[in-house]
Structure formats: structure tokens, C-alpha cells
Amino acid sequence: MEHSEAETPNITYKTFTFEDNNENTQESLSVSIPEVLDPHYGMYVWPCAVVLAQYLWSQRQELRDKTVLELGAGVSLPGVVAARCGAKVILSDNAEKPLCLENCRRSCAANGLHDISVLPLTWGEVSPELTQLPQLDIILGSDVFYEPRDFEDVLLTIAYLLRKNPRAQFWTTYQERSADWSIEVLLNRWKMSCVDVDLETFDADKSELAGSSLPGNHSIDMMIITLETGDLGL
């Protein structure tokens, strides 16, 4: 069900606070994320998004002045955190889901981010918006490996972007839903490799992150996907 122009969506705002309390520094970052009462799953913060945002917070020094694209952004928690950490962020979601694109803009407005582009990018389609993207350093994807029927389209888009930006990395979190689901064959087909990132290394091995009840008891993994070394022209 989509809202008509005359309808006002039922919106709630959730605050996520990321902290670093070590001996030398005490830093924190709070962001506000709008969720819309709508049956579309892209309108909520899901467990994977909080874990990926926690990783971005842990990498905040590296993110400064980097150009970052978030795919399937939905409510855009990772992209908003990256922007608040000093990255130049582009948010994107399915061209056929205008409500998700609108919520990307709503998330930006809620956090005072007025220079972020929001683009319609549909996985598996080489659209003008995709071909005209600037040079990228990091690509983000939170729970984009949700529906097995979408896996190949997602990785086709990632492969295209990494070939245009051979030094870039794809940072992604995913929820383990079935032992039968795998992207290994597709990674090999597109000559990409992945490295698993242990959640303990960025303090994400907890059931509650950033002052929220997420990720709860869900089993979340993180990996970094890049082109195989032979494809870098080294």
C-alpha cells in the first residue's frame, strides 16, 4: 500500500547513539532515523543496518572525505552515519520504490544533511544514474542479500561499480537466514573476493547496539567484497 499525496505517513523517529569510551577519548555520535508505518520492509531499521553503522563508526577516521554510495538505503542509517563522520555520501534505492527514496531524503533532513544526493538505482540495471556516478571509495549495502532471487542482480551492480572503481570496497552486513543460501558461486563468476570481518573487532558482538534493542538475537555477519587481485591490474 502506498500513500497518496493527500495522506500524511505515520512517522516515528528513533535515535541511535554510537560511543567510543577508551582511555584517551570519549566520543559519541547520535543520529535520528525516521521509520514509516508501512508494510514495505525498506521503511524500518533492520538489525544489519545497526551492525554496519557500528562498523562505520569504528572506521570514522578513514571515512573522512571519502565518496560513499549506499545501495538499497531504505531508512539510510549507515549512509547517515557515514555522512556525519565526514564522508561524501550518495544514497540510493530502487527506482520503483519512491517511498523508500522519499524516506532517504527524510533521514537526511532529520540529521541536517542537505548536500546528499538521493538517486534511483535498481539492482541489475545499468541506468544513466549508475553510469554517471562519480568515482567511489566505498559502497555500502545493509541486508541487500535478503531475497535469493536478487543476489545475482545485487552482485552484477557491485561488479559493475568495482570495475569502474577498482580500488573501491563493498562493505556489507547480512543476516543468516538459511545455510543453503550462498553467494560464493556468483563472486567467482564476477571475479570478486570477500573477507569476513569479525564483529568483535568493532564491538558489534552484542545484542544491543547504539542505544537500541538491535540486532537482538539475530545472527549477523559482515564482509568486505573487492575485485580479485588479478583484476586490479597490479
Protein backbone atom coordinates (compact mmCIF):
# COMPACT_ATOMS: atom_id res chain seq x y z
CA MET A 1 0.00 0.00 0.00
CA GLU A 2 1.42 3.35 -1.00
CA HIS A 3 0.43 6.69 0.46
CA SER A 4 -1.34 9.15 -1.80
CA GLU A 5 -0.14 12.73 -1.93
CA ALA A 6 -3.02 13.74 0.34
CA GLU A 7 -2.03 11.27 3.06
CA THR A 8 0.45 12.02 5.82
CA PRO A 9 2.54 8.96 6.66
CA ASN A 10 2.73 7.81 10.27
CA ILE A 11 6.37 8.50 11.14
CA THR A 12 8.31 7.70 14.29
CA TYR A 13 11.88 8.82 14.90
CA LYS A 14 14.47 6.56 16.53
CA THR A 15 17.74 7.83 17.94
CA PHE A 16 20.91 5.77 17.63
CA THR A 17 23.94 6.81 19.68
CA PHE A 18 27.37 5.44 18.87
CA GLU A 19 30.06 5.81 21.52
CA ASP A 20 33.78 5.29 21.93
CA ASN A 21 34.85 5.39 25.55
CA ASN A 22 38.51 4.45 25.63
CA GLU A 23 41.19 5.77 27.94
CA ASN A 24 42.23 8.62 25.68
CA THR A 25 38.99 9.84 24.13
CA GLN A 26 35.28 9.91 24.79
CA GLU A 27 33.49 10.42 21.50
CA SER A 28 29.87 9.91 20.58
CA LEU A 29 27.54 10.42 17.65
CA SER A 30 23.74 10.49 17.73
CA VAL A 31 21.58 10.25 14.62
CA SER A 32 17.81 10.35 14.21
CA ILE A 33 16.20 7.90 11.80
CA PRO A 34 12.54 8.13 10.66
CA GLU A 35 10.57 4.92 10.36
CA VAL A 36 7.26 4.87 8.50
CA LEU A 37 4.31 2.70 9.44
CA ASP A 38 4.16 0.95 6.09
CA PRO A 39 4.20 -2.72 5.08
CA HIS A 40 7.33 -2.21 2.95
CA TYR A 41 10.36 -3.59 4.77
CA GLY A 42 12.61 -0.81 3.49
CA MET A 43 10.90 1.67 5.81
CA TYR A 44 12.33 0.24 9.05
CA VAL A 45 15.75 -0.04 10.66
CA TRP A 46 16.75 -3.69 10.47
CA PRO A 47 19.41 -5.45 12.56
CA CYS A 48 22.00 -5.47 9.77
CA ALA A 49 21.86 -1.69 9.44
CA VAL A 50 22.87 -1.11 13.05
CA VAL A 51 25.80 -3.51 12.77
CA LEU A 52 27.02 -1.85 9.56
CA ALA A 53 26.60 1.59 11.12
CA GLN A 54 28.66 0.44 14.10
CA TYR A 55 31.43 -0.60 11.70
CA LEU A 56 31.29 2.79 10.01
CA TRP A 57 31.57 4.49 13.39
CA SER A 58 34.66 2.37 14.14
CA GLN A 59 36.15 3.48 10.80
CA ARG A 60 35.21 7.15 11.15
CA GLN A 61 38.76 8.42 10.68
CA GLU A 62 39.08 6.52 7.40
CA LEU A 63 35.71 7.77 6.15
CA ARG A 64 36.54 11.47 6.21
CA ASP A 65 36.37 12.94 2.69
CA LYS A 66 35.74 9.53 1.11
CA THR A 67 32.99 9.21 -1.50
CA VAL A 68 30.47 6.63 -0.33
CA LEU A 69 27.45 5.12 -2.09
CA GLU A 70 24.77 3.24 -0.13
CA LEU A 71 22.71 0.76 -2.15
CA GLY A 72 19.18 -0.17 -1.11
CA ALA A 73 19.44 2.53 1.52
CA GLY A 74 15.83 2.48 2.79
CA VAL A 75 15.94 4.46 6.04
CA SER A 76 19.66 5.12 5.40
CA LEU A 77 21.16 4.60 8.86
CA PRO A 78 24.61 3.53 7.55
CA GLY A 79 24.70 6.32 4.97
CA VAL A 80 23.69 8.94 7.51
CA VAL A 81 26.37 7.76 9.94
CA ALA A 82 28.99 7.85 7.16
CA ALA A 83 27.96 11.41 6.26
CA ARG A 84 28.09 12.53 9.89
CA CYS A 85 31.60 11.04 10.04
CA GLY A 86 32.71 13.32 7.20
CA ALA A 87 32.15 11.19 4.09
CA LYS A 88 30.65 12.49 0.87
CA VAL A 89 27.58 10.27 0.66
CA ILE A 90 25.18 9.29 -2.11
CA LEU A 91 22.05 7.38 -1.10
CA SER A 92 20.15 5.15 -3.49
CA ASP A 93 17.21 2.77 -3.61
CA ASN A 94 15.02 1.01 -6.15
CA ALA A 95 13.72 3.33 -8.86
CA GLU A 96 10.31 1.67 -8.50
CA LYS A 97 10.04 2.42 -4.76
CA PRO A 98 9.53 6.17 -4.46
CA LEU A 99 8.50 5.92 -0.80
CA CYS A 100 11.92 4.50 0.07
CA LEU A 101 13.62 7.29 -1.86
CA GLU A 102 11.46 9.81 -0.02
CA ASN A 103 12.47 8.29 3.31
CA CYS A 104 16.13 8.61 2.33
CA ARG A 105 15.53 12.33 1.94
CA ARG A 106 13.61 12.41 5.22
CA SER A 107 16.55 10.79 7.03
CA CYS A 108 18.90 13.41 5.59
CA ALA A 109 16.63 16.25 6.69
CA ALA A 110 16.32 14.80 10.21
CA ASN A 111 20.09 14.95 10.58
CA GLY A 112 20.75 18.31 8.95
CA LEU A 113 22.37 16.73 5.90
CA HIS A 114 21.49 18.96 2.96
CA ASP A 115 24.21 18.06 0.43
CA ILE A 116 23.45 14.37 -0.04
CA SER A 117 22.21 13.13 -3.40
CA VAL A 118 19.40 10.56 -3.43
CA LEU A 119 19.31 8.52 -6.62
CA PRO A 120 17.03 5.85 -8.08
CA LEU A 121 19.24 2.80 -8.69
CA THR A 122 17.70 -0.59 -9.38
CA TRP A 123 19.95 -3.62 -8.87
CA GLY A 124 20.88 -5.35 -12.11
CA GLU A 125 20.08 -2.35 -14.32
CA VAL A 126 22.80 -0.26 -15.94
CA SER A 127 20.91 3.03 -15.84
CA PRO A 128 22.15 6.56 -16.61
CA GLU A 129 22.17 7.26 -12.87
CA LEU A 130 24.53 4.31 -12.37
CA THR A 131 26.89 5.13 -15.25
CA GLN A 132 27.12 8.80 -14.24
CA LEU A 133 28.15 8.21 -10.62
CA PRO A 134 31.37 9.93 -9.53
CA GLN A 135 34.46 7.98 -8.52
CA LEU A 136 33.67 5.91 -5.43
CA ASP A 137 35.82 4.80 -2.50
CA ILE A 138 33.31 2.72 -0.53
CA ILE A 139 29.99 1.08 -1.40
CA LEU A 140 27.61 0.13 1.40
CA GLY A 141 24.86 -2.48 1.48
CA SER A 142 22.86 -3.44 4.54
CA ASP A 143 20.93 -6.72 4.23
CA VAL A 144 20.91 -6.49 0.45
CA PHE A 145 21.30 -10.28 0.38
CA TYR A 146 17.76 -10.72 1.66
CA GLU A 147 15.97 -12.41 -1.24
CA PRO A 148 17.96 -15.13 -3.08
CA ARG A 149 16.32 -14.11 -6.36
CA ASP A 150 18.03 -10.72 -6.01
CA PHE A 151 21.56 -12.00 -5.29
CA GLU A 152 22.73 -12.01 -8.90
CA ASP A 153 21.31 -8.54 -9.63
CA VAL A 154 22.98 -7.15 -6.49
CA LEU A 155 26.35 -8.63 -7.40
CA LEU A 156 26.04 -7.56 -11.04
CA THR A 157 25.66 -3.98 -9.81
CA ILE A 158 28.57 -4.37 -7.37
CA ALA A 159 30.77 -5.91 -10.08
CA TYR A 160 29.99 -3.00 -12.42
CA LEU A 161 30.83 -0.44 -9.73
CA LEU A 162 34.06 -2.16 -8.67
CA ARG A 163 35.25 -2.39 -12.26
CA LYS A 164 34.66 1.32 -12.65
CA ASN A 165 36.33 1.90 -9.25
CA PRO A 166 38.90 -0.90 -8.92
CA ARG A 167 40.28 0.38 -5.61
CA ALA A 168 36.85 0.62 -4.01
CA GLN A 169 35.42 -1.81 -1.46
CA PHE A 170 31.90 -3.07 -0.83
CA TRP A 171 31.12 -3.15 2.90
CA THR A 172 28.06 -5.26 3.64
CA THR A 173 26.23 -6.92 6.51
CA TYR A 174 23.78 -9.76 6.12
CA GLN A 175 21.54 -11.85 8.34
CA GLU A 176 21.94 -15.61 8.28
CA ARG A 177 18.54 -16.93 7.27
CA SER A 178 19.40 -20.23 5.59
CA ALA A 179 22.53 -22.38 5.41
CA ASP A 180 21.59 -23.12 1.79
CA TRP A 181 21.99 -19.52 0.66
CA SER A 182 25.41 -18.66 -0.73
CA ILE A 183 26.96 -16.03 -2.99
CA GLU A 184 30.27 -17.86 -3.46
CA VAL A 185 29.49 -19.06 -6.97
CA LEU A 186 28.40 -15.56 -8.02
CA LEU A 187 31.52 -14.00 -6.52
CA ASN A 188 33.66 -16.39 -8.53
CA ARG A 189 31.69 -15.65 -11.69
CA TRP A 190 32.25 -11.93 -11.35
CA LYS A 191 35.87 -12.36 -10.18
CA MET A 192 35.33 -10.85 -6.77
CA SER A 193 36.62 -11.97 -3.39
CA CYS A 194 35.38 -11.40 0.12
CA VAL A 195 36.85 -11.19 3.60
CA ASP A 196 34.74 -11.80 6.69
CA VAL A 197 35.00 -9.16 9.42
CA ASP A 198 34.68 -10.44 12.98
CA LEU A 199 32.05 -8.43 14.84
CA GLU A 200 34.20 -8.48 17.98
CA THR A 201 36.80 -6.33 16.23
CA PHE A 202 34.42 -3.36 16.16
CA ASP A 203 32.38 -4.03 19.31
CA ALA A 204 29.33 -5.27 17.41
CA ASP A 205 29.14 -8.70 19.06
CA LYS A 206 26.31 -7.54 21.33
CA SER A 207 22.54 -7.89 21.26
CA GLU A 208 22.03 -4.15 21.78
CA LEU A 209 23.97 -1.53 19.84
CA ALA A 210 23.86 2.27 19.68
CA GLY A 211 21.32 2.51 22.50
CA SER A 212 18.81 0.35 20.61
CA SER A 213 17.40 -3.16 21.04
CA LEU A 214 19.07 -4.21 17.77
CA PRO A 215 20.45 -6.53 16.48
CA GLY A 216 18.79 -8.61 19.20
CA ASN A 217 19.36 -12.35 18.91
CA HIS A 218 19.74 -12.29 15.13
CA SER A 219 22.88 -13.80 13.64
CA ILE A 220 24.57 -11.05 11.63
CA ASP A 221 27.76 -11.31 9.57
CA MET A 222 29.86 -8.68 7.89
CA MET A 223 32.13 -8.95 4.89
CA ILE A 224 34.17 -6.74 2.61
CA ILE A 225 33.99 -7.54 -1.10
CA THR A 226 36.61 -6.41 -3.59
CA LEU A 227 37.81 -7.28 -7.06
CA GLU A 228 40.16 -10.24 -7.16
CA THR A 229 43.77 -9.10 -7.11
CA GLY A 230 44.33 -10.18 -10.72
CA ASP A 231 41.59 -7.81 -11.86
CA LEU A 232 43.30 -4.78 -10.32
CA GLY A 233 45.97 -4.66 -13.00
CA LEU A 234 48.73 -4.97 -10.40
